Amino acid sequence: MIRTVSIVPAILTDNKQDFRNQVETVNAFTRRVQIDVTDGIFTPTVTLDVTNVWWPNNWTADLHLMASKPSEHLDTILKLNPSLCILHAEAGEDLMPSFQVLKEAGIKVGVALLPSTFPGYVKHYIDAADHVMIFAGQVGVQGSQADMMQMEKISLVRGMKPEVEIGWDGGANMSNVRALAHADLDVINVGSAIMKSENPAEAFAALVAEIDKPGVVL
């Protein structure tokens, strides 16, 4: 099966004006965007609270919630109505009740796996999910180096649930995005390589062009 790989810009900030600026920036060149939200408990950093994020109506928004107790944010998430809501397998509570609430509202659910989490240990979440995120950077921080060893999880997840959408988050840039695109992923989330570049639109276009090239650069 030939898969189409999507480059999805990621927005992460603790400032309302910066958030607006990033939304306006990426809105000029794409419609699928990941919004990263951290709570300062699950992560060492605190972003804008989920009550302060928003996006244009024509976006396909992926909400990546890095929170210890995601259930406490469900009411806000339902009001935001993202296309996809990604919760961490390592959160301090059972994700299944939250998955059920989100699915009943027509929101796709995703589970993110930190580098230390073996997919087999959270198979029940993978079985229930529409999306599995292989997290390969430093949680709550843009610009960290990618742990390319996390690529080994892709085939494990695909073996458990062949039809699930698999995403990569952490350290994706021009030096590794072609290798990632050839690794049976569906989505590659890119933060600083786009948002901190001098020209985000050109950076996005270059990444899209790079993943379409044949062969793999290691």
N, C-alpha and C. Protein backbone atom coordinates (compact mmCIF):
# COMPACT_ATOMS: atom_id res chain seq x y z
N MET A 1 0.83 -1.20 0.00
CA MET A 1 0.00 0.00 0.00
C MET A 1 0.87 1.25 0.00
N ILE A 2 0.65 2.17 -0.92
CA ILE A 2 1.39 3.41 -0.98
C ILE A 2 0.67 4.44 -0.11
N ARG A 3 1.38 4.98 0.85
CA ARG A 3 0.78 5.95 1.76
C ARG A 3 1.19 7.37 1.40
N THR A 4 0.27 8.28 1.58
CA THR A 4 0.56 9.69 1.40
C THR A 4 0.98 10.25 2.75
N VAL A 5 2.16 10.87 2.78
CA VAL A 5 2.69 11.43 4.02
C VAL A 5 2.39 12.92 4.07
N SER A 6 1.87 13.38 5.20
CA SER A 6 1.53 14.79 5.37
C SER A 6 2.52 15.47 6.31
N ILE A 7 3.01 16.63 5.89
CA ILE A 7 3.78 17.48 6.78
C ILE A 7 2.78 18.39 7.51
N VAL A 8 2.77 18.33 8.83
CA VAL A 8 1.81 19.09 9.63
C VAL A 8 2.57 20.03 10.56
N PRO A 9 2.47 21.34 10.34
CA PRO A 9 3.12 22.29 11.25
C PRO A 9 2.53 22.20 12.65
N ALA A 10 3.40 22.41 13.65
CA ALA A 10 2.97 22.37 15.04
C ALA A 10 3.16 23.73 15.70
N ILE A 11 2.13 24.17 16.40
CA ILE A 11 2.18 25.45 17.12
C ILE A 11 2.27 25.19 18.61
N LEU A 12 3.30 25.77 19.25
CA LEU A 12 3.49 25.64 20.69
C LEU A 12 3.99 26.98 21.22
N THR A 13 3.24 27.58 22.12
CA THR A 13 3.64 28.88 22.67
C THR A 13 2.89 29.14 23.96
N ASP A 14 3.45 30.06 24.77
CA ASP A 14 2.78 30.46 26.01
C ASP A 14 2.26 31.89 25.92
N ASN A 15 2.25 32.44 24.70
CA ASN A 15 1.89 33.84 24.51
C ASN A 15 0.73 33.96 23.52
N LYS A 16 -0.32 34.69 23.92
CA LYS A 16 -1.51 34.80 23.08
C LYS A 16 -1.22 35.48 21.74
N GLN A 17 -0.41 36.55 21.75
CA GLN A 17 -0.13 37.24 20.51
C GLN A 17 0.74 36.39 19.59
N ASP A 18 1.69 35.68 20.18
CA ASP A 18 2.53 34.78 19.37
C ASP A 18 1.68 33.66 18.78
N PHE A 19 0.72 33.17 19.56
CA PHE A 19 -0.18 32.13 19.05
C PHE A 19 -0.93 32.65 17.83
N ARG A 20 -1.51 33.84 17.94
CA ARG A 20 -2.23 34.44 16.82
C ARG A 20 -1.31 34.62 15.60
N ASN A 21 -0.10 35.07 15.84
CA ASN A 21 0.84 35.27 14.74
C ASN A 21 1.15 33.95 14.03
N GLN A 22 1.34 32.88 14.82
CA GLN A 22 1.64 31.59 14.23
C GLN A 22 0.44 31.04 13.45
N VAL A 23 -0.75 31.22 14.00
CA VAL A 23 -1.96 30.79 13.28
C VAL A 23 -2.05 31.50 11.94
N GLU A 24 -1.86 32.80 11.94
CA GLU A 24 -1.94 33.57 10.69
C GLU A 24 -0.84 33.17 9.72
N THR A 25 0.33 32.85 10.25
CA THR A 25 1.44 32.44 9.39
C THR A 25 1.13 31.14 8.67
N VAL A 26 0.76 30.10 9.40
CA VAL A 26 0.55 28.80 8.77
C VAL A 26 -0.74 28.76 7.95
N ASN A 27 -1.69 29.63 8.29
CA ASN A 27 -2.94 29.66 7.53
C ASN A 27 -2.71 30.08 6.08
N ALA A 28 -1.57 30.69 5.82
CA ALA A 28 -1.25 31.14 4.46
C ALA A 28 -0.83 29.98 3.55
N PHE A 29 -0.46 28.82 4.13
CA PHE A 29 0.05 27.76 3.26
C PHE A 29 -0.44 26.35 3.58
N THR A 30 -1.22 26.14 4.63
CA THR A 30 -1.73 24.80 4.90
C THR A 30 -3.00 24.87 5.74
N ARG A 31 -3.70 23.74 5.82
CA ARG A 31 -4.96 23.70 6.56
C ARG A 31 -4.96 22.65 7.66
N ARG A 32 -4.01 21.71 7.63
CA ARG A 32 -3.91 20.76 8.76
C ARG A 32 -2.76 21.21 9.64
N VAL A 33 -3.07 21.46 10.91
CA VAL A 33 -2.10 21.99 11.86
C VAL A 33 -2.28 21.31 13.21
N GLN A 34 -1.16 21.09 13.88
CA GLN A 34 -1.23 20.54 15.24
C GLN A 34 -1.05 21.67 16.26
N ILE A 35 -1.96 21.70 17.23
CA ILE A 35 -1.88 22.66 18.33
C ILE A 35 -1.37 21.91 19.55
N ASP A 36 -0.21 22.30 20.06
CA ASP A 36 0.39 21.66 21.24
C ASP A 36 0.03 22.43 22.50
N VAL A 37 -0.50 21.72 23.48
CA VAL A 37 -0.86 22.32 24.76
C VAL A 37 -0.24 21.50 25.88
N THR A 38 0.46 22.18 26.80
CA THR A 38 1.06 21.51 27.95
C THR A 38 0.52 22.09 29.25
N ASP A 39 0.58 21.27 30.31
CA ASP A 39 -0.01 21.70 31.59
C ASP A 39 1.01 22.04 32.66
N GLY A 40 2.31 21.84 32.38
CA GLY A 40 3.33 22.14 33.38
C GLY A 40 3.46 21.09 34.47
N ILE A 41 2.64 20.07 34.40
CA ILE A 41 2.71 18.94 35.34
C ILE A 41 3.25 17.72 34.61
N PHE A 42 2.59 17.37 33.52
CA PHE A 42 3.07 16.28 32.68
C PHE A 42 4.37 16.69 31.99
N THR A 43 4.53 17.99 31.79
CA THR A 43 5.68 18.55 31.07
C THR A 43 6.41 19.56 31.95
N PRO A 44 7.68 19.86 31.61
CA PRO A 44 8.41 20.88 32.38
C PRO A 44 8.04 22.30 31.96
N THR A 45 7.28 22.44 30.90
CA THR A 45 6.91 23.76 30.39
C THR A 45 5.39 23.94 30.41
N VAL A 46 4.97 25.20 30.40
CA VAL A 46 3.54 25.52 30.38
C VAL A 46 3.26 26.38 29.15
N THR A 47 2.33 25.95 28.34
CA THR A 47 1.91 26.74 27.18
C THR A 47 0.62 27.49 27.51
N LEU A 48 0.04 28.09 26.52
CA LEU A 48 -1.32 28.61 26.68
C LEU A 48 -2.23 27.49 27.16
N ASP A 49 -3.12 27.81 28.06
CA ASP A 49 -4.10 26.84 28.50
C ASP A 49 -5.03 26.48 27.34
N VAL A 50 -5.58 25.29 27.40
CA VAL A 50 -6.46 24.84 26.32
C VAL A 50 -7.66 25.76 26.14
N THR A 51 -8.01 26.50 27.18
CA THR A 51 -9.14 27.45 27.06
C THR A 51 -8.77 28.67 26.23
N ASN A 52 -7.49 28.86 25.95
CA ASN A 52 -7.04 30.04 25.20
C ASN A 52 -6.61 29.75 23.77
N VAL A 53 -6.73 28.50 23.34
CA VAL A 53 -6.35 28.18 21.96
C VAL A 53 -7.59 28.20 21.07
N TRP A 54 -7.35 28.40 19.78
CA TRP A 54 -8.42 28.47 18.80
C TRP A 54 -7.79 28.24 17.43
N TRP A 55 -8.63 28.12 16.41
CA TRP A 55 -8.12 27.98 15.05
C TRP A 55 -9.23 28.33 14.07
N PRO A 56 -8.88 28.64 12.83
CA PRO A 56 -9.89 28.97 11.82
C PRO A 56 -10.82 27.79 11.54
N ASN A 57 -12.03 28.09 11.16
CA ASN A 57 -13.03 27.05 10.93
C ASN A 57 -12.66 26.10 9.80
N ASN A 58 -11.83 26.56 8.87
CA ASN A 58 -11.50 25.71 7.71
C ASN A 58 -10.28 24.82 7.96
N TRP A 59 -9.79 24.80 9.17
CA TRP A 59 -8.65 23.94 9.49
C TRP A 59 -9.09 22.53 9.85
N THR A 60 -8.19 21.59 9.57
CA THR A 60 -8.24 20.26 10.18
C THR A 60 -7.26 20.33 11.33
N ALA A 61 -7.78 20.54 12.53
CA ALA A 61 -6.94 20.80 13.69
C ALA A 61 -6.71 19.54 14.51
N ASP A 62 -5.43 19.24 14.77
CA ASP A 62 -5.05 18.15 15.66
C ASP A 62 -4.64 18.78 16.99
N LEU A 63 -5.34 18.47 18.06
CA LEU A 63 -5.02 19.00 19.37
C LEU A 63 -4.20 17.97 20.13
N HIS A 64 -2.94 18.31 20.41
CA HIS A 64 -2.03 17.42 21.13
C HIS A 64 -1.96 17.91 22.57
N LEU A 65 -2.62 17.20 23.47
CA LEU A 65 -2.74 17.62 24.87
C LEU A 65 -1.74 16.85 25.73
N MET A 66 -0.72 17.56 26.19
CA MET A 66 0.30 16.97 27.06
C MET A 66 -0.07 17.32 28.50
N ALA A 67 -0.98 16.54 29.06
CA ALA A 67 -1.53 16.84 30.38
C ALA A 67 -1.59 15.59 31.23
N SER A 68 -1.43 15.77 32.52
CA SER A 68 -1.46 14.65 33.45
C SER A 68 -2.85 14.06 33.59
N LYS A 69 -3.87 14.94 33.58
CA LYS A 69 -5.26 14.48 33.72
C LYS A 69 -6.10 15.09 32.60
N PRO A 70 -6.04 14.50 31.42
CA PRO A 70 -6.76 15.07 30.27
C PRO A 70 -8.27 15.15 30.48
N SER A 71 -8.82 14.29 31.31
CA SER A 71 -10.28 14.30 31.52
C SER A 71 -10.75 15.64 32.08
N GLU A 72 -9.88 16.35 32.80
CA GLU A 72 -10.25 17.63 33.38
C GLU A 72 -10.46 18.71 32.30
N HIS A 73 -10.01 18.44 31.09
CA HIS A 73 -10.09 19.41 30.00
C HIS A 73 -11.14 19.03 28.95
N LEU A 74 -11.89 17.97 29.21
CA LEU A 74 -12.80 17.45 28.19
C LEU A 74 -13.87 18.46 27.77
N ASP A 75 -14.43 19.18 28.71
CA ASP A 75 -15.49 20.14 28.36
C ASP A 75 -14.98 21.18 27.36
N THR A 76 -13.76 21.67 27.59
CA THR A 76 -13.17 22.65 26.68
C THR A 76 -12.86 22.03 25.33
N ILE A 77 -12.35 20.81 25.34
CA ILE A 77 -12.01 20.13 24.09
C ILE A 77 -13.27 19.92 23.25
N LEU A 78 -14.35 19.54 23.87
CA LEU A 78 -15.60 19.33 23.14
C LEU A 78 -16.08 20.62 22.50
N LYS A 79 -15.90 21.74 23.19
CA LYS A 79 -16.30 23.03 22.63
C LYS A 79 -15.40 23.42 21.45
N LEU A 80 -14.11 23.12 21.56
CA LEU A 80 -13.18 23.43 20.48
C LEU A 80 -13.44 22.56 19.25
N ASN A 81 -13.84 21.31 19.50
CA ASN A 81 -14.18 20.35 18.44
C ASN A 81 -13.06 20.17 17.42
N PRO A 82 -11.89 19.73 17.87
CA PRO A 82 -10.81 19.44 16.92
C PRO A 82 -11.17 18.22 16.07
N SER A 83 -10.49 18.07 14.95
CA SER A 83 -10.67 16.87 14.15
C SER A 83 -10.12 15.65 14.88
N LEU A 84 -9.01 15.87 15.58
CA LEU A 84 -8.30 14.79 16.28
C LEU A 84 -7.79 15.33 17.60
N CYS A 85 -7.93 14.55 18.67
CA CYS A 85 -7.36 14.91 19.96
C CYS A 85 -6.41 13.80 20.39
N ILE A 86 -5.14 14.17 20.61
CA ILE A 86 -4.10 13.21 20.96
C ILE A 86 -3.76 13.34 22.44
N LEU A 87 -3.90 12.25 23.17
CA LEU A 87 -3.60 12.20 24.60
C LEU A 87 -2.42 11.25 24.82
N HIS A 88 -1.71 11.45 25.91
CA HIS A 88 -0.52 10.63 26.16
C HIS A 88 -0.84 9.37 26.95
N ALA A 89 -0.27 8.27 26.49
CA ALA A 89 -0.46 6.99 27.18
C ALA A 89 0.06 7.05 28.60
N GLU A 90 1.01 7.94 28.85
CA GLU A 90 1.65 8.03 30.16
C GLU A 90 0.92 8.97 31.13
N ALA A 91 -0.22 9.51 30.72
CA ALA A 91 -0.99 10.39 31.60
C ALA A 91 -1.35 9.66 32.89
N GLY A 92 -1.66 10.43 33.93
CA GLY A 92 -1.90 9.84 35.23
C GLY A 92 -3.30 9.32 35.45
N GLU A 93 -3.96 8.87 34.39
CA GLU A 93 -5.30 8.31 34.51
C GLU A 93 -5.59 7.43 33.30
N ASP A 94 -6.61 6.62 33.42
CA ASP A 94 -7.05 5.76 32.32
C ASP A 94 -7.63 6.63 31.20
N LEU A 95 -7.13 6.45 30.00
CA LEU A 95 -7.59 7.26 28.87
C LEU A 95 -8.89 6.76 28.25
N MET A 96 -9.28 5.53 28.52
CA MET A 96 -10.42 4.96 27.82
C MET A 96 -11.72 5.73 28.02
N PRO A 97 -12.04 6.20 29.23
CA PRO A 97 -13.27 7.00 29.37
C PRO A 97 -13.22 8.29 28.55
N SER A 98 -12.07 8.94 28.50
CA SER A 98 -11.94 10.16 27.70
C SER A 98 -12.07 9.84 26.21
N PHE A 99 -11.47 8.74 25.78
CA PHE A 99 -11.62 8.32 24.39
C PHE A 99 -13.10 8.15 24.04
N GLN A 100 -13.83 7.52 24.92
CA GLN A 100 -15.25 7.26 24.65
C GLN A 100 -16.03 8.56 24.50
N VAL A 101 -15.78 9.51 25.40
CA VAL A 101 -16.47 10.81 25.34
C VAL A 101 -16.14 11.52 24.03
N LEU A 102 -14.89 11.53 23.66
CA LEU A 102 -14.46 12.21 22.43
C LEU A 102 -15.07 11.54 21.20
N LYS A 103 -15.04 10.22 21.16
CA LYS A 103 -15.58 9.51 20.00
C LYS A 103 -17.09 9.74 19.87
N GLU A 104 -17.78 9.77 20.99
CA GLU A 104 -19.23 10.00 20.94
C GLU A 104 -19.55 11.39 20.40
N ALA A 105 -18.58 12.31 20.53
CA ALA A 105 -18.76 13.67 20.02
C ALA A 105 -18.28 13.80 18.58
N GLY A 106 -17.82 12.71 17.98
CA GLY A 106 -17.35 12.74 16.60
C GLY A 106 -15.93 13.21 16.44
N ILE A 107 -15.16 13.21 17.53
CA ILE A 107 -13.75 13.63 17.49
C ILE A 107 -12.87 12.38 17.46
N LYS A 108 -11.97 12.32 16.49
CA LYS A 108 -11.04 11.20 16.42
C LYS A 108 -10.09 11.26 17.60
N VAL A 109 -9.64 10.08 18.05
CA VAL A 109 -8.75 10.02 19.21
C VAL A 109 -7.38 9.48 18.82
N GLY A 110 -6.37 10.04 19.46
CA GLY A 110 -5.01 9.59 19.23
C GLY A 110 -4.32 9.31 20.55
N VAL A 111 -3.34 8.43 20.51
CA VAL A 111 -2.53 8.16 21.69
C VAL A 111 -1.07 8.42 21.33
N ALA A 112 -0.39 9.19 22.18
CA ALA A 112 1.02 9.50 21.98
C ALA A 112 1.87 8.63 22.89
N LEU A 113 3.00 8.15 22.36
CA LEU A 113 3.90 7.28 23.12
C LEU A 113 5.24 7.98 23.31
N LEU A 114 5.61 8.24 24.55
CA LEU A 114 6.92 8.80 24.84
C LEU A 114 8.00 7.78 24.51
N PRO A 115 9.27 8.21 24.37
CA PRO A 115 10.33 7.28 23.98
C PRO A 115 10.46 6.05 24.86
N SER A 116 10.15 6.17 26.14
CA SER A 116 10.31 5.03 27.05
C SER A 116 9.14 4.05 27.02
N THR A 117 8.10 4.36 26.27
CA THR A 117 6.89 3.52 26.27
C THR A 117 6.93 2.51 25.13
N PHE A 118 6.88 1.24 25.47
CA PHE A 118 6.84 0.16 24.47
C PHE A 118 5.40 -0.01 23.99
N PRO A 119 5.17 -0.01 22.67
CA PRO A 119 3.80 -0.09 22.16
C PRO A 119 2.99 -1.26 22.71
N GLY A 120 3.62 -2.40 22.92
CA GLY A 120 2.88 -3.56 23.41
C GLY A 120 2.26 -3.36 24.78
N TYR A 121 2.85 -2.46 25.58
CA TYR A 121 2.32 -2.22 26.92
C TYR A 121 1.03 -1.41 26.90
N VAL A 122 0.77 -0.73 25.79
CA VAL A 122 -0.44 0.11 25.70
C VAL A 122 -1.28 -0.30 24.49
N LYS A 123 -1.29 -1.59 24.21
CA LYS A 123 -2.02 -2.09 23.05
C LYS A 123 -3.51 -1.76 23.12
N HIS A 124 -4.08 -1.71 24.31
CA HIS A 124 -5.51 -1.42 24.43
C HIS A 124 -5.81 0.00 23.96
N TYR A 125 -4.87 0.92 24.20
CA TYR A 125 -5.05 2.28 23.69
C TYR A 125 -4.89 2.33 22.18
N ILE A 126 -3.90 1.62 21.67
CA ILE A 126 -3.67 1.59 20.22
C ILE A 126 -4.87 0.98 19.51
N ASP A 127 -5.44 -0.09 20.07
CA ASP A 127 -6.61 -0.72 19.47
C ASP A 127 -7.79 0.25 19.40
N ALA A 128 -7.88 1.15 20.38
CA ALA A 128 -9.01 2.08 20.44
C ALA A 128 -8.78 3.36 19.64
N ALA A 129 -7.54 3.60 19.24
CA ALA A 129 -7.17 4.89 18.66
C ALA A 129 -7.34 4.95 17.14
N ASP A 130 -7.54 6.17 16.66
CA ASP A 130 -7.54 6.44 15.22
C ASP A 130 -6.15 6.87 14.76
N HIS A 131 -5.33 7.31 15.71
CA HIS A 131 -4.01 7.86 15.41
C HIS A 131 -3.06 7.47 16.53
N VAL A 132 -1.84 7.09 16.17
CA VAL A 132 -0.79 6.81 17.15
C VAL A 132 0.39 7.73 16.85
N MET A 133 0.78 8.53 17.85
CA MET A 133 1.92 9.43 17.69
C MET A 133 3.17 8.81 18.30
N ILE A 134 4.21 8.66 17.47
CA ILE A 134 5.51 8.23 17.96
C ILE A 134 6.24 9.51 18.37
N PHE A 135 6.39 9.71 19.67
CA PHE A 135 7.02 10.94 20.16
C PHE A 135 8.51 10.69 20.33
N ALA A 136 9.32 11.54 19.70
CA ALA A 136 10.75 11.26 19.63
C ALA A 136 11.61 12.44 20.05
N GLY A 137 11.00 13.43 20.70
CA GLY A 137 11.77 14.60 21.12
C GLY A 137 11.68 14.80 22.62
N GLN A 138 11.81 16.04 23.05
CA GLN A 138 11.66 16.41 24.46
C GLN A 138 10.27 16.97 24.64
N VAL A 139 9.49 16.36 25.50
CA VAL A 139 8.08 16.71 25.63
C VAL A 139 7.92 18.16 26.08
N GLY A 140 7.05 18.88 25.37
CA GLY A 140 6.75 20.26 25.71
C GLY A 140 7.74 21.28 25.21
N VAL A 141 8.70 20.84 24.37
CA VAL A 141 9.74 21.74 23.88
C VAL A 141 9.90 21.58 22.37
N GLN A 142 9.94 22.68 21.65
CA GLN A 142 10.26 22.63 20.22
C GLN A 142 11.76 22.79 20.03
N GLY A 143 12.26 22.16 18.96
CA GLY A 143 13.67 22.31 18.63
C GLY A 143 14.58 21.25 19.21
N SER A 144 14.02 20.23 19.86
CA SER A 144 14.86 19.16 20.41
C SER A 144 15.31 18.22 19.31
N GLN A 145 16.33 17.46 19.59
CA GLN A 145 16.87 16.53 18.61
C GLN A 145 16.02 15.27 18.54
N ALA A 146 15.81 14.77 17.33
CA ALA A 146 14.99 13.57 17.15
C ALA A 146 15.75 12.32 17.58
N ASP A 147 15.09 11.46 18.31
CA ASP A 147 15.62 10.14 18.64
C ASP A 147 15.16 9.19 17.54
N MET A 148 16.03 9.00 16.56
CA MET A 148 15.64 8.21 15.37
C MET A 148 15.44 6.74 15.69
N MET A 149 15.92 6.28 16.85
CA MET A 149 15.67 4.90 17.25
C MET A 149 14.18 4.63 17.47
N GLN A 150 13.41 5.69 17.68
CA GLN A 150 11.96 5.53 17.86
C GLN A 150 11.27 5.02 16.60
N MET A 151 11.95 5.09 15.46
CA MET A 151 11.38 4.57 14.22
C MET A 151 11.06 3.08 14.32
N GLU A 152 11.75 2.38 15.21
CA GLU A 152 11.51 0.95 15.37
C GLU A 152 10.07 0.67 15.83
N LYS A 153 9.45 1.65 16.46
CA LYS A 153 8.08 1.46 16.94
C LYS A 153 7.05 1.46 15.81
N ILE A 154 7.41 2.05 14.68
CA ILE A 154 6.43 2.20 13.60
C ILE A 154 5.92 0.85 13.14
N SER A 155 6.82 -0.09 12.87
CA SER A 155 6.39 -1.41 12.40
C SER A 155 5.63 -2.16 13.48
N LEU A 156 5.98 -1.94 14.74
CA LEU A 156 5.26 -2.61 15.83
C LEU A 156 3.81 -2.13 15.90
N VAL A 157 3.64 -0.81 15.79
CA VAL A 157 2.29 -0.27 15.82
C VAL A 157 1.51 -0.71 14.59
N ARG A 158 2.16 -0.67 13.43
CA ARG A 158 1.49 -1.07 12.18
C ARG A 158 1.07 -2.53 12.26
N GLY A 159 1.88 -3.35 12.90
CA GLY A 159 1.52 -4.76 13.04
C GLY A 159 0.32 -4.98 13.94
N MET A 160 0.16 -4.12 14.93
CA MET A 160 -0.99 -4.23 15.83
C MET A 160 -2.28 -3.76 15.17
N LYS A 161 -2.18 -2.67 14.40
CA LYS A 161 -3.37 -2.08 13.80
C LYS A 161 -2.98 -1.48 12.45
N PRO A 162 -3.02 -2.27 11.39
CA PRO A 162 -2.50 -1.83 10.09
C PRO A 162 -3.12 -0.55 9.55
N GLU A 163 -4.40 -0.31 9.87
CA GLU A 163 -5.09 0.83 9.26
C GLU A 163 -4.94 2.12 10.05
N VAL A 164 -4.32 2.08 11.22
CA VAL A 164 -4.25 3.27 12.06
C VAL A 164 -3.33 4.32 11.43
N GLU A 165 -3.67 5.59 11.63
CA GLU A 165 -2.79 6.67 11.17
C GLU A 165 -1.65 6.80 12.18
N ILE A 166 -0.41 6.83 11.67
CA ILE A 166 0.76 6.92 12.54
C ILE A 166 1.47 8.24 12.27
N GLY A 167 1.71 8.97 13.36
CA GLY A 167 2.40 10.25 13.25
C GLY A 167 3.72 10.23 13.98
N TRP A 168 4.58 11.17 13.61
CA TRP A 168 5.89 11.35 14.26
C TRP A 168 5.95 12.77 14.80
N ASP A 169 6.44 12.92 16.00
CA ASP A 169 6.57 14.24 16.60
C ASP A 169 7.90 14.32 17.34
N GLY A 170 8.71 15.32 16.97
CA GLY A 170 9.97 15.52 17.66
C GLY A 170 11.17 15.55 16.75
N GLY A 171 11.72 16.75 16.54
CA GLY A 171 13.00 16.87 15.85
C GLY A 171 12.99 16.67 14.35
N ALA A 172 11.83 16.64 13.72
CA ALA A 172 11.79 16.48 12.26
C ALA A 172 12.30 17.75 11.59
N ASN A 173 13.20 17.58 10.61
CA ASN A 173 13.74 18.72 9.87
C ASN A 173 14.27 18.24 8.52
N MET A 174 14.92 19.10 7.79
CA MET A 174 15.37 18.75 6.44
C MET A 174 16.41 17.63 6.44
N SER A 175 17.09 17.43 7.55
CA SER A 175 18.14 16.40 7.58
C SER A 175 17.58 14.98 7.74
N ASN A 176 16.35 14.86 8.22
CA ASN A 176 15.82 13.52 8.49
C ASN A 176 14.42 13.26 7.95
N VAL A 177 13.78 14.29 7.39
CA VAL A 177 12.36 14.13 7.03
C VAL A 177 12.17 13.12 5.89
N ARG A 178 13.16 13.00 4.99
CA ARG A 178 13.00 12.03 3.91
C ARG A 178 13.05 10.61 4.45
N ALA A 179 13.96 10.35 5.39
CA ALA A 179 14.02 9.03 6.02
C ALA A 179 12.73 8.72 6.75
N LEU A 180 12.18 9.70 7.45
CA LEU A 180 10.92 9.50 8.16
C LEU A 180 9.78 9.22 7.19
N ALA A 181 9.76 9.93 6.08
CA ALA A 181 8.68 9.77 5.11
C ALA A 181 8.69 8.39 4.47
N HIS A 182 9.84 7.75 4.44
CA HIS A 182 9.96 6.41 3.85
C HIS A 182 9.81 5.31 4.89
N ALA A 183 9.40 5.67 6.10
CA ALA A 183 9.34 4.70 7.20
C ALA A 183 7.92 4.28 7.55
N ASP A 184 7.00 4.38 6.60
CA ASP A 184 5.62 3.93 6.80
C ASP A 184 4.84 4.81 7.78
N LEU A 185 5.18 6.09 7.81
CA LEU A 185 4.41 7.05 8.59
C LEU A 185 3.33 7.67 7.72
N ASP A 186 2.34 8.26 8.35
CA ASP A 186 1.30 8.99 7.64
C ASP A 186 1.43 10.50 7.85
N VAL A 187 1.92 10.87 9.02
CA VAL A 187 2.00 12.28 9.41
C VAL A 187 3.36 12.56 10.03
N ILE A 188 3.97 13.68 9.64
CA ILE A 188 5.19 14.14 10.28
C ILE A 188 4.92 15.54 10.79
N ASN A 189 4.86 15.68 12.10
CA ASN A 189 4.63 16.99 12.71
C ASN A 189 5.96 17.73 12.79
N VAL A 190 5.94 18.98 12.39
CA VAL A 190 7.17 19.78 12.35
C VAL A 190 6.94 21.09 13.09
N GLY A 191 7.76 21.34 14.10
CA GLY A 191 7.64 22.56 14.88
C GLY A 191 8.64 23.61 14.48
N SER A 192 9.80 23.60 15.13
CA SER A 192 10.76 24.69 14.96
C SER A 192 11.32 24.80 13.55
N ALA A 193 11.43 23.69 12.83
CA ALA A 193 11.99 23.74 11.48
C ALA A 193 11.13 24.57 10.54
N ILE A 194 9.86 24.75 10.91
CA ILE A 194 8.98 25.64 10.15
C ILE A 194 8.78 26.95 10.89
N MET A 195 8.33 26.86 12.14
CA MET A 195 7.89 28.06 12.85
C MET A 195 9.03 28.99 13.24
N LYS A 196 10.25 28.47 13.38
CA LYS A 196 11.38 29.32 13.76
C LYS A 196 12.28 29.64 12.56
N SER A 197 11.84 29.29 11.38
CA SER A 197 12.62 29.61 10.18
C SER A 197 12.35 31.05 9.76
N GLU A 198 13.23 31.59 8.93
CA GLU A 198 13.06 32.97 8.47
C GLU A 198 11.83 33.11 7.58
N ASN A 199 11.53 32.03 6.83
CA ASN A 199 10.37 32.05 5.95
C ASN A 199 9.61 30.73 6.11
N PRO A 200 8.63 30.68 7.01
CA PRO A 200 7.91 29.43 7.28
C PRO A 200 7.27 28.82 6.04
N ALA A 201 6.73 29.63 5.16
CA ALA A 201 6.09 29.08 3.95
C ALA A 201 7.11 28.36 3.08
N GLU A 202 8.28 28.95 2.90
CA GLU A 202 9.32 28.31 2.11
C GLU A 202 9.85 27.06 2.80
N ALA A 203 9.97 27.10 4.13
CA ALA A 203 10.43 25.93 4.87
C ALA A 203 9.44 24.78 4.73
N PHE A 204 8.16 25.09 4.83
CA PHE A 204 7.13 24.07 4.66
C PHE A 204 7.20 23.46 3.25
N ALA A 205 7.31 24.31 2.24
CA ALA A 205 7.37 23.83 0.85
C ALA A 205 8.60 22.97 0.63
N ALA A 206 9.73 23.34 1.24
CA ALA A 206 10.96 22.55 1.08
C ALA A 206 10.81 21.18 1.72
N LEU A 207 10.17 21.11 2.86
CA LEU A 207 9.95 19.82 3.53
C LEU A 207 9.03 18.93 2.70
N VAL A 208 7.97 19.52 2.16
CA VAL A 208 7.04 18.76 1.31
C VAL A 208 7.77 18.22 0.09
N ALA A 209 8.62 19.04 -0.51
CA ALA A 209 9.37 18.61 -1.69
C ALA A 209 10.37 17.51 -1.32
N GLU A 210 10.96 17.62 -0.14
CA GLU A 210 11.96 16.65 0.29
C GLU A 210 11.36 15.26 0.49
N ILE A 211 10.17 15.17 1.06
CA ILE A 211 9.61 13.84 1.33
C ILE A 211 9.15 13.16 0.04
N ASP A 212 9.00 13.93 -1.04
CA ASP A 212 8.59 13.34 -2.31
C ASP A 212 9.77 12.79 -3.12
N LYS A 213 11.00 13.04 -2.64
CA LYS A 213 12.17 12.55 -3.36
C LYS A 213 12.36 11.06 -3.13
N PRO A 214 12.81 10.32 -4.15
CA PRO A 214 13.05 8.89 -3.97
C PRO A 214 14.32 8.64 -3.18
N GLY A 215 14.41 7.47 -2.58
CA GLY A 215 15.60 7.12 -1.83
C GLY A 215 15.55 7.70 -0.42
N VAL A 216 16.46 7.18 0.39
CA VAL A 216 16.50 7.59 1.79
C VAL A 216 17.90 8.09 2.13
N VAL A 217 17.96 9.22 2.76
CA VAL A 217 19.24 9.77 3.22
C VAL A 217 19.35 9.52 4.71
N LEU A 218 20.41 8.83 5.13
CA LEU A 218 20.62 8.51 6.56
C LEU A 218 21.84 9.23 7.08
